[in-house]
Amino acid sequence: MASTAPEKTFRIGLVSASIFANEVDGEGGKRTIRNVNLQRRYRDGDSWKSSTSFGLADLPNALRVLQLAQEYVEHQEAEAQN
């Protein structure tokens, strides 16, 4: 399965929210569905890894990138309906 790049990514510190857009066939024709992936990067020795687990110190950045992702998806949805 081929990897698909995110449509948009918001990063604050080591926390990021990536938005992935997928086209689906529906009753009214093709429609774009957007999903948000939240992750935190961390260093393990010499390599960088990702986790979906967040500590207390990560939560403010996680909340903010999720808020930015929500605003982006809402804007895209509003534009699609015009």
N, C-alpha and C. Protein backbone atom coordinates (compact mmCIF):
# COMPACT_ATOMS: atom_id res chain seq x y z
N MET A 1 0.84 -1.17 0.00
CA MET A 1 0.00 0.00 0.00
C MET A 1 0.89 1.24 0.00
N ALA A 2 0.63 2.16 -0.88
CA ALA A 2 1.44 3.38 -1.00
C ALA A 2 1.12 4.35 0.11
N SER A 3 2.15 5.03 0.57
CA SER A 3 1.97 6.04 1.61
C SER A 3 1.46 7.33 0.97
N THR A 4 0.50 7.96 1.61
CA THR A 4 -0.06 9.21 1.12
C THR A 4 0.38 10.34 2.03
N ALA A 5 0.83 11.41 1.44
CA ALA A 5 1.27 12.57 2.21
C ALA A 5 0.06 13.30 2.78
N PRO A 6 0.21 13.91 3.94
CA PRO A 6 -0.90 14.69 4.50
C PRO A 6 -1.19 15.93 3.66
N GLU A 7 -2.44 16.34 3.67
CA GLU A 7 -2.86 17.56 2.98
C GLU A 7 -2.30 18.79 3.70
N LYS A 8 -2.24 18.73 5.03
CA LYS A 8 -1.78 19.84 5.84
C LYS A 8 -1.29 19.29 7.18
N THR A 9 -0.23 19.89 7.72
CA THR A 9 0.28 19.51 9.03
C THR A 9 0.51 20.75 9.87
N PHE A 10 0.07 20.70 11.11
CA PHE A 10 0.32 21.76 12.08
C PHE A 10 1.27 21.20 13.13
N ARG A 11 2.35 21.95 13.43
CA ARG A 11 3.33 21.51 14.42
C ARG A 11 3.57 22.60 15.45
N ILE A 12 3.63 22.19 16.69
CA ILE A 12 4.07 23.05 17.78
C ILE A 12 4.99 22.20 18.63
N GLY A 13 6.24 22.60 18.72
CA GLY A 13 7.20 21.79 19.45
C GLY A 13 7.32 20.43 18.79
N LEU A 14 7.19 19.39 19.57
CA LEU A 14 7.32 18.03 19.06
C LEU A 14 5.97 17.38 18.77
N VAL A 15 4.89 18.15 18.91
CA VAL A 15 3.54 17.63 18.68
C VAL A 15 3.04 18.11 17.33
N SER A 16 2.40 17.20 16.58
CA SER A 16 1.85 17.60 15.29
C SER A 16 0.49 16.96 15.06
N ALA A 17 -0.31 17.66 14.28
CA ALA A 17 -1.61 17.16 13.82
C ALA A 17 -1.58 17.23 12.30
N SER A 18 -1.73 16.07 11.66
CA SER A 18 -1.72 16.00 10.20
C SER A 18 -3.10 15.68 9.70
N ILE A 19 -3.51 16.37 8.64
CA ILE A 19 -4.83 16.16 8.05
C ILE A 19 -4.65 15.39 6.76
N PHE A 20 -5.39 14.29 6.65
CA PHE A 20 -5.37 13.46 5.46
C PHE A 20 -6.72 13.55 4.78
N ALA A 21 -6.71 13.79 3.48
CA ALA A 21 -7.94 13.91 2.70
C ALA A 21 -8.13 12.65 1.86
N ASN A 22 -9.33 12.10 1.92
CA ASN A 22 -9.68 10.91 1.14
C ASN A 22 -10.96 11.17 0.38
N GLU A 23 -10.95 10.87 -0.90
CA GLU A 23 -12.16 11.02 -1.70
C GLU A 23 -12.96 9.73 -1.64
N VAL A 24 -14.26 9.88 -1.38
CA VAL A 24 -15.16 8.74 -1.31
C VAL A 24 -16.36 9.00 -2.22
N ASP A 25 -16.94 7.93 -2.73
CA ASP A 25 -18.15 8.03 -3.52
C ASP A 25 -19.34 7.94 -2.58
N GLY A 26 -20.23 8.90 -2.70
CA GLY A 26 -21.42 8.93 -1.86
C GLY A 26 -22.66 9.07 -2.70
N GLU A 27 -23.77 9.27 -2.04
CA GLU A 27 -25.04 9.42 -2.73
C GLU A 27 -25.05 10.62 -3.66
N GLY A 28 -24.42 11.71 -3.25
CA GLY A 28 -24.41 12.93 -4.05
C GLY A 28 -23.18 13.05 -4.95
N GLY A 29 -22.44 11.99 -5.14
CA GLY A 29 -21.22 12.03 -5.95
C GLY A 29 -19.99 11.92 -5.07
N LYS A 30 -18.86 12.35 -5.61
CA LYS A 30 -17.62 12.27 -4.85
C LYS A 30 -17.59 13.32 -3.76
N ARG A 31 -17.01 12.94 -2.63
CA ARG A 31 -16.91 13.83 -1.48
C ARG A 31 -15.55 13.61 -0.82
N THR A 32 -14.98 14.66 -0.28
CA THR A 32 -13.71 14.55 0.42
C THR A 32 -13.95 14.45 1.91
N ILE A 33 -13.40 13.40 2.50
CA ILE A 33 -13.46 13.19 3.95
C ILE A 33 -12.07 13.46 4.50
N ARG A 34 -11.99 14.23 5.57
CA ARG A 34 -10.69 14.55 6.17
C ARG A 34 -10.60 13.92 7.55
N ASN A 35 -9.44 13.31 7.82
CA ASN A 35 -9.15 12.71 9.12
C ASN A 35 -7.89 13.34 9.68
N VAL A 36 -7.83 13.43 11.00
CA VAL A 36 -6.70 14.07 11.67
C VAL A 36 -5.92 13.02 12.46
N ASN A 37 -4.60 13.03 12.27
CA ASN A 37 -3.70 12.15 12.98
C ASN A 37 -2.86 12.99 13.93
N LEU A 38 -2.91 12.69 15.23
CA LEU A 38 -2.16 13.43 16.25
C LEU A 38 -0.98 12.58 16.70
N GLN A 39 0.20 13.18 16.74
CA GLN A 39 1.38 12.43 17.18
C GLN A 39 2.39 13.32 17.87
N ARG A 40 3.28 12.67 18.60
CA ARG A 40 4.38 13.34 19.29
C ARG A 40 5.68 12.66 18.88
N ARG A 41 6.65 13.46 18.52
CA ARG A 41 7.97 12.93 18.15
C ARG A 41 8.84 12.87 19.40
N TYR A 42 9.71 11.89 19.44
CA TYR A 42 10.67 11.79 20.54
C TYR A 42 11.94 11.11 20.04
N ARG A 43 12.99 11.32 20.75
CA ARG A 43 14.28 10.79 20.36
C ARG A 43 14.57 9.53 21.17
N ASP A 44 14.95 8.48 20.47
CA ASP A 44 15.34 7.22 21.11
C ASP A 44 16.76 6.92 20.65
N GLY A 45 17.73 7.33 21.46
CA GLY A 45 19.13 7.19 21.05
C GLY A 45 19.42 8.17 19.93
N ASP A 46 19.84 7.65 18.78
CA ASP A 46 20.17 8.48 17.63
C ASP A 46 19.01 8.63 16.65
N SER A 47 17.90 7.95 16.89
CA SER A 47 16.81 8.01 15.91
C SER A 47 15.56 8.68 16.50
N TRP A 48 14.78 9.27 15.60
CA TRP A 48 13.52 9.91 15.97
C TRP A 48 12.39 8.91 15.76
N LYS A 49 11.46 8.89 16.69
CA LYS A 49 10.29 8.02 16.60
C LYS A 49 9.03 8.82 16.88
N SER A 50 7.89 8.21 16.61
CA SER A 50 6.60 8.85 16.84
C SER A 50 5.79 8.05 17.83
N SER A 51 4.94 8.76 18.58
CA SER A 51 4.07 8.13 19.55
C SER A 51 2.71 8.83 19.53
N THR A 52 1.70 8.10 19.94
CA THR A 52 0.37 8.70 20.10
C THR A 52 0.03 8.84 21.58
N SER A 53 1.06 8.75 22.42
CA SER A 53 0.92 8.90 23.86
C SER A 53 1.49 10.27 24.25
N PHE A 54 0.77 10.98 25.14
CA PHE A 54 1.16 12.34 25.50
C PHE A 54 1.26 12.49 27.01
N GLY A 55 2.31 13.16 27.45
CA GLY A 55 2.46 13.48 28.86
C GLY A 55 1.80 14.81 29.16
N LEU A 56 1.73 15.14 30.43
CA LEU A 56 1.10 16.38 30.86
C LEU A 56 1.71 17.60 30.17
N ALA A 57 3.01 17.64 30.01
CA ALA A 57 3.68 18.78 29.38
C ALA A 57 3.36 18.90 27.89
N ASP A 58 2.95 17.80 27.26
CA ASP A 58 2.62 17.81 25.83
C ASP A 58 1.20 18.29 25.55
N LEU A 59 0.34 18.22 26.55
CA LEU A 59 -1.08 18.47 26.32
C LEU A 59 -1.42 19.88 25.82
N PRO A 60 -0.79 20.95 26.30
CA PRO A 60 -1.12 22.26 25.72
C PRO A 60 -0.83 22.34 24.22
N ASN A 61 0.29 21.77 23.78
CA ASN A 61 0.61 21.78 22.35
C ASN A 61 -0.34 20.87 21.58
N ALA A 62 -0.73 19.75 22.18
CA ALA A 62 -1.67 18.84 21.52
C ALA A 62 -3.02 19.52 21.34
N LEU A 63 -3.48 20.20 22.37
CA LEU A 63 -4.75 20.92 22.27
C LEU A 63 -4.70 21.98 21.18
N ARG A 64 -3.61 22.72 21.12
CA ARG A 64 -3.51 23.81 20.13
C ARG A 64 -3.45 23.29 18.71
N VAL A 65 -2.63 22.24 18.45
CA VAL A 65 -2.57 21.74 17.07
C VAL A 65 -3.90 21.10 16.66
N LEU A 66 -4.61 20.50 17.61
CA LEU A 66 -5.93 19.96 17.30
C LEU A 66 -6.92 21.08 16.98
N GLN A 67 -6.81 22.19 17.71
CA GLN A 67 -7.66 23.35 17.44
C GLN A 67 -7.38 23.91 16.04
N LEU A 68 -6.11 24.01 15.69
CA LEU A 68 -5.75 24.49 14.35
C LEU A 68 -6.25 23.53 13.27
N ALA A 69 -6.14 22.24 13.53
CA ALA A 69 -6.62 21.24 12.57
C ALA A 69 -8.13 21.34 12.41
N GLN A 70 -8.84 21.52 13.52
CA GLN A 70 -10.29 21.65 13.45
C GLN A 70 -10.69 22.86 12.62
N GLU A 71 -10.05 23.99 12.87
CA GLU A 71 -10.35 25.21 12.11
C GLU A 71 -10.08 25.00 10.62
N TYR A 72 -8.99 24.32 10.29
CA TYR A 72 -8.66 24.06 8.89
C TYR A 72 -9.72 23.18 8.23
N VAL A 73 -10.09 22.09 8.90
CA VAL A 73 -11.09 21.17 8.33
C VAL A 73 -12.44 21.87 8.19
N GLU A 74 -12.82 22.65 9.19
CA GLU A 74 -14.08 23.40 9.09
C GLU A 74 -14.07 24.35 7.91
N HIS A 75 -12.93 25.03 7.70
CA HIS A 75 -12.82 25.96 6.57
C HIS A 75 -12.94 25.20 5.23
N GLN A 76 -12.27 24.07 5.14
CA GLN A 76 -12.34 23.28 3.91
C GLN A 76 -13.76 22.79 3.64
N GLU A 77 -14.45 22.38 4.69
CA GLU A 77 -15.84 21.94 4.54
C GLU A 77 -16.74 23.07 4.09
N ALA A 78 -16.53 24.26 4.66
CA ALA A 78 -17.34 25.42 4.27
C ALA A 78 -17.09 25.81 2.82
N GLU A 79 -15.82 25.76 2.40
CA GLU A 79 -15.48 26.09 1.01
C GLU A 79 -16.10 25.08 0.03
N ALA A 80 -16.14 23.82 0.41
CA ALA A 80 -16.69 22.77 -0.46
C ALA A 80 -18.18 22.93 -0.66
N GLN A 81 -18.85 23.54 0.31
CA GLN A 81 -20.30 23.69 0.22
C GLN A 81 -20.70 24.94 -0.54
N ASN A 82 -19.76 25.81 -0.88
CA ASN A 82 -20.07 27.03 -1.64
C ASN A 82 -19.99 26.79 -3.12
